[in-house]
Amino acid sequence: MKENKPEKRPLYAQIYEIVRQIPPGKVASYGQIARIVGGCTPRMVGYAMSAIRSGSDIPWQRVINSQGKVSVHGHGIGTALQRQLLEEEGVEFDASGRVDWDEVGWLELED
């Protein structure tokens, strides 16, 4: 007799489901998303974010590194776009390019 096991969804789909929950004006770290999903690393979350196609409804810009900065990607073009999109949502960066986790962090930061 076969055992009925719940079908596991693909990892990227699980990551995207969590990222879609981050509201405008808030950010989360790659590590936070990895811990919520479980069974993956912050780097895997980064790979998932970089695999998102243009025009997607996934708010990829709301995932930043644990230092509170936008990670460099896309030869700098993607980095500038990510910061611009976050600023349009009301996210502010200090002179060193960091956000205030207490102000814009989606969940408590444990990185």
C-alpha atoms as a PDB file:
ATOM      1  CA  MET A   1       0.000   0.000   0.000  1.00  0.00           C
ATOM      2  CA  LYS A   2       1.338   3.419  -0.976  1.00  0.00           C
ATOM      3  CA  GLU A   3       1.732   6.047   1.667  1.00  0.00           C
ATOM      4  CA  ASN A   4       0.114   9.398   0.873  1.00  0.00           C
ATOM      5  CA  LYS A   5       2.801  12.012   1.445  1.00  0.00           C
ATOM      6  CA  PRO A   6       2.105  15.687   0.901  1.00  0.00           C
ATOM      7  CA  GLU A   7       3.646  16.892  -2.315  1.00  0.00           C
ATOM      8  CA  LYS A   8       6.535  19.235  -1.650  1.00  0.00           C
ATOM      9  CA  ARG A   9       6.486  22.438  -3.675  1.00  0.00           C
ATOM     10  CA  PRO A  10       9.624  23.545  -5.509  1.00  0.00           C
ATOM     11  CA  LEU A  11      12.025  25.595  -3.397  1.00  0.00           C
ATOM     12  CA  TYR A  12      11.800  28.747  -5.511  1.00  0.00           C
ATOM     13  CA  ALA A  13       7.983  28.659  -5.283  1.00  0.00           C
ATOM     14  CA  GLN A  14       8.245  28.511  -1.485  1.00  0.00           C
ATOM     15  CA  ILE A  15      10.693  31.440  -1.459  1.00  0.00           C
ATOM     16  CA  TYR A  16       8.478  33.516  -3.756  1.00  0.00           C
ATOM     17  CA  GLU A  17       5.419  32.844  -1.597  1.00  0.00           C
ATOM     18  CA  ILE A  18       7.209  34.323   1.432  1.00  0.00           C
ATOM     19  CA  VAL A  19       8.646  37.298  -0.482  1.00  0.00           C
ATOM     20  CA  ARG A  20       5.162  38.176  -1.766  1.00  0.00           C
ATOM     21  CA  GLN A  21       4.136  38.709   1.862  1.00  0.00           C
ATOM     22  CA  ILE A  22       6.623  41.533   2.483  1.00  0.00           C
ATOM     23  CA  PRO A  23       4.561  44.742   2.413  1.00  0.00           C
ATOM     24  CA  PRO A  24       5.579  47.903   0.556  1.00  0.00           C
ATOM     25  CA  GLY A  25       7.999  50.012   2.574  1.00  0.00           C
ATOM     26  CA  LYS A  26       9.420  46.997   4.428  1.00  0.00           C
ATOM     27  CA  VAL A  27      12.454  44.813   3.750  1.00  0.00           C
ATOM     28  CA  ALA A  28      13.714  41.387   4.784  1.00  0.00           C
ATOM     29  CA  SER A  29      17.147  39.809   4.560  1.00  0.00           C
ATOM     30  CA  TYR A  30      18.100  36.832   2.443  1.00  0.00           C
ATOM     31  CA  GLY A  31      18.820  34.998   5.705  1.00  0.00           C
ATOM     32  CA  GLN A  32      15.382  35.753   7.142  1.00  0.00           C
ATOM     33  CA  ILE A  33      13.690  34.352   4.051  1.00  0.00           C
ATOM     34  CA  ALA A  34      15.938  31.257   4.161  1.00  0.00           C
ATOM     35  CA  ARG A  35      15.047  30.596   7.819  1.00  0.00           C
ATOM     36  CA  ILE A  36      11.322  31.005   7.180  1.00  0.00           C
ATOM     37  CA  VAL A  37      11.394  28.644   4.195  1.00  0.00           C
ATOM     38  CA  GLY A  38      13.767  26.178   5.854  1.00  0.00           C
ATOM     39  CA  GLY A  39      16.113  23.824   4.070  1.00  0.00           C
ATOM     40  CA  CYS A  40      17.869  26.548   2.104  1.00  0.00           C
ATOM     41  CA  THR A  41      20.600  29.137   2.503  1.00  0.00           C
ATOM     42  CA  PRO A  42      20.613  32.911   2.045  1.00  0.00           C
ATOM     43  CA  ARG A  43      22.607  32.369  -1.153  1.00  0.00           C
ATOM     44  CA  MET A  44      19.845  30.139  -2.512  1.00  0.00           C
ATOM     45  CA  VAL A  45      17.341  32.916  -1.792  1.00  0.00           C
ATOM     46  CA  GLY A  46      19.601  35.279  -3.744  1.00  0.00           C
ATOM     47  CA  TYR A  47      19.653  32.871  -6.677  1.00  0.00           C
ATOM     48  CA  ALA A  48      15.853  32.694  -6.548  1.00  0.00           C
ATOM     49  CA  MET A  49      15.621  36.495  -6.590  1.00  0.00           C
ATOM     50  CA  SER A  50      17.967  36.712  -9.575  1.00  0.00           C
ATOM     51  CA  ALA A  51      15.842  34.170 -11.474  1.00  0.00           C
ATOM     52  CA  ILE A  52      12.729  36.374 -11.344  1.00  0.00           C
ATOM     53  CA  ARG A  53      11.716  37.577 -14.776  1.00  0.00           C
ATOM     54  CA  SER A  54      10.913  41.184 -15.575  1.00  0.00           C
ATOM     55  CA  GLY A  55       7.251  42.043 -15.027  1.00  0.00           C
ATOM     56  CA  SER A  56       6.793  39.519 -12.216  1.00  0.00           C
ATOM     57  CA  ASP A  57       4.500  40.285  -9.270  1.00  0.00           C
ATOM     58  CA  ILE A  58       7.211  39.165  -6.830  1.00  0.00           C
ATOM     59  CA  PRO A  59       8.598  42.186  -4.923  1.00  0.00           C
ATOM     60  CA  TRP A  60      12.222  41.075  -5.236  1.00  0.00           C
ATOM     61  CA  GLN A  61      13.477  44.555  -4.352  1.00  0.00           C
ATOM     62  CA  ARG A  62      12.334  44.054  -0.743  1.00  0.00           C
ATOM     63  CA  VAL A  63      15.010  41.425  -0.054  1.00  0.00           C
ATOM     64  CA  ILE A  64      18.383  42.888   0.914  1.00  0.00           C
ATOM     65  CA  ASN A  65      21.494  41.678   2.704  1.00  0.00           C
ATOM     66  CA  SER A  66      21.825  41.310   6.476  1.00  0.00           C
ATOM     67  CA  GLN A  67      23.925  44.488   6.674  1.00  0.00           C
ATOM     68  CA  GLY A  68      20.849  46.429   5.584  1.00  0.00           C
ATOM     69  CA  LYS A  69      22.286  47.171   2.159  1.00  0.00           C
ATOM     70  CA  VAL A  70      21.311  46.391  -1.402  1.00  0.00           C
ATOM     71  CA  SER A  71      23.686  43.710  -2.676  1.00  0.00           C
ATOM     72  CA  VAL A  72      25.624  44.467  -5.835  1.00  0.00           C
ATOM     73  CA  HIS A  73      24.189  42.706  -8.890  1.00  0.00           C
ATOM     74  CA  GLY A  74      23.534  43.254 -12.568  1.00  0.00           C
ATOM     75  CA  HIS A  75      26.787  45.205 -13.115  1.00  0.00           C
ATOM     76  CA  GLY A  76      25.380  47.898 -10.807  1.00  0.00           C
ATOM     77  CA  ILE A  77      22.275  48.523 -12.909  1.00  0.00           C
ATOM     78  CA  GLY A  78      20.164  46.101 -10.856  1.00  0.00           C
ATOM     79  CA  THR A  79      21.532  47.589  -7.657  1.00  0.00           C
ATOM     80  CA  ALA A  80      20.495  51.124  -8.624  1.00  0.00           C
ATOM     81  CA  LEU A  81      17.066  49.909  -9.742  1.00  0.00           C
ATOM     82  CA  GLN A  82      16.505  48.024  -6.482  1.00  0.00           C
ATOM     83  CA  ARG A  83      17.396  51.055  -4.399  1.00  0.00           C
ATOM     84  CA  GLN A  84      15.196  53.294  -6.549  1.00  0.00           C
ATOM     85  CA  LEU A  85      12.210  50.952  -6.191  1.00  0.00           C
ATOM     86  CA  LEU A  86      12.681  50.801  -2.423  1.00  0.00           C
ATOM     87  CA  GLU A  87      12.993  54.589  -2.153  1.00  0.00           C
ATOM     88  CA  GLU A  88       9.762  54.940  -4.146  1.00  0.00           C
ATOM     89  CA  GLU A  89       8.128  52.780  -1.447  1.00  0.00           C
ATOM     90  CA  GLY A  90       9.419  55.119   1.263  1.00  0.00           C
ATOM     91  CA  VAL A  91      12.465  53.130   2.371  1.00  0.00           C
ATOM     92  CA  GLU A  92      15.258  55.473   3.407  1.00  0.00           C
ATOM     93  CA  PHE A  93      18.987  54.756   3.268  1.00  0.00           C
ATOM     94  CA  ASP A  94      21.651  56.424   5.373  1.00  0.00           C
ATOM     95  CA  ALA A  95      24.885  57.907   3.993  1.00  0.00           C
ATOM     96  CA  SER A  96      26.515  54.455   3.942  1.00  0.00           C
ATOM     97  CA  GLY A  97      23.616  52.926   2.000  1.00  0.00           C
ATOM     98  CA  ARG A  98      22.039  51.081   4.930  1.00  0.00           C
ATOM     99  CA  VAL A  99      18.426  50.907   6.023  1.00  0.00           C
ATOM    100  CA  ASP A 100      17.269  51.162   9.627  1.00  0.00           C
ATOM    101  CA  TRP A 101      16.058  47.629  10.424  1.00  0.00           C
ATOM    102  CA  ASP A 102      14.009  48.913  13.365  1.00  0.00           C
ATOM    103  CA  GLU A 103      12.115  51.209  11.031  1.00  0.00           C
ATOM    104  CA  VAL A 104      11.725  49.168   7.835  1.00  0.00           C
ATOM    105  CA  GLY A 105      12.468  45.581   8.842  1.00  0.00           C
ATOM    106  CA  TRP A 106       9.578  43.261   8.012  1.00  0.00           C
ATOM    107  CA  LEU A 107      10.236  40.826  10.847  1.00  0.00           C
ATOM    108  CA  GLU A 108      12.690  40.836  13.728  1.00  0.00           C
ATOM    109  CA  LEU A 109      16.219  40.525  12.379  1.00  0.00           C
ATOM    110  CA  GLU A 110      18.139  37.584  13.795  1.00  0.00           C
ATOM    111  CA  ASP A 111      21.094  37.538  11.390  1.00  0.00           C
END
